[in-house]
Amino acid sequence: MTILITGATGNVSGALLRSLPTTDDVRVLVRDPGKARDVAGAEVVVGDLDQPRTLGPAFEGVDTLWLLTAMGPQAPHASMNAVWAARRAGVRHIVRMSAVGAGHEAPTRNGRLHALSDAELMASGLGWTIIRPHFFMQNLLGSVNGDTLFGNLGEGRLGMIDVRDIADFAARVLTEPENHDGKVYTLTGPAVISLKEAAEQFGTVLGTPIRYHSLSEPEAYQAMLGAGLPDWIAAVNAEYGTAYAGGWGDFTTPDFPDVMGRPARSFADFARDFADRIRGA
């Protein structure tokens, strides 16, 4: 089986490459081969999801596609190009990484855009599986400054999930796609947690009290702009924060343990494993 990985230089696809078994032929699609990382044993192919004419050779001979598009207003265009290239190349199955709560009435632009691409894939005539992971635990790395965890989730509780679990789950689906055809999975951690509780967990790991400081949506937006995020990304992340503060993310699902036969990693496990990266530089 030949598997093509998109988004290979990002955090999720990078973790996925480490989770995939070495028995399958793996290709990674990159725009700049000089930036490819963690791809030992994988074939590097050059192409750009925003440029459909570059995709033909990269997709030839591929059985299963991992489709991850960069967050942004152009994401449906990139996803559309990938699905079209897959159809033309005879790809049999696409595993698409969507977003938690993706839907036409989602409270964020990102969720509504993902709903468009999810619907397109479902209507493509190809085999498909859609994965909608909850808030990444790794999003909190670097959010502690001194003795304070800054965030814009209010008192909201979230079923956060470790990126490593997303990768393990995706690897399972990619290597046995026939068992997951036509399925939509929402991946969460084993329990919901607030940022106040996350700060306490970080304090336990660091051996010093950490408090949570909640930012308003405008404050979070300005802080993200100040950190160098593009305007659209900062604004949409702030939208997510408002939705989560209102309880939108207060749930877990059994999808991960039902497929994997084990619970997802707890927040305490995550905090211990990434203790050296909890504080910002």
Foldseek 3Di string as FASTA:
>chain_A
DEEEEEPQLDDLNLLLQVQADLPYAYEYEDQDVVSHPNQVSHHYAYDDLLDLVRCQVVQAPHAEYEADADDDPCRLSSLVSVLVSNVVRVHAEYEYEAAPPQDCPDLFPRSPSSNVSVVCVVPSPHWYEYEHEWAELVVQFAQADDQEREDAQAFFWAQHAHSSLVSNVVSLCRVPVVVGTPYYYYAGAPAIDGVQVLQCLLCVLVVHHHGYDHDQLVRQLVVVVVVPDDNSVSNRRSSVSVCRSVHVRHDHDCRSCVRPVDGGDDSSVVCNVPSVRNHHD
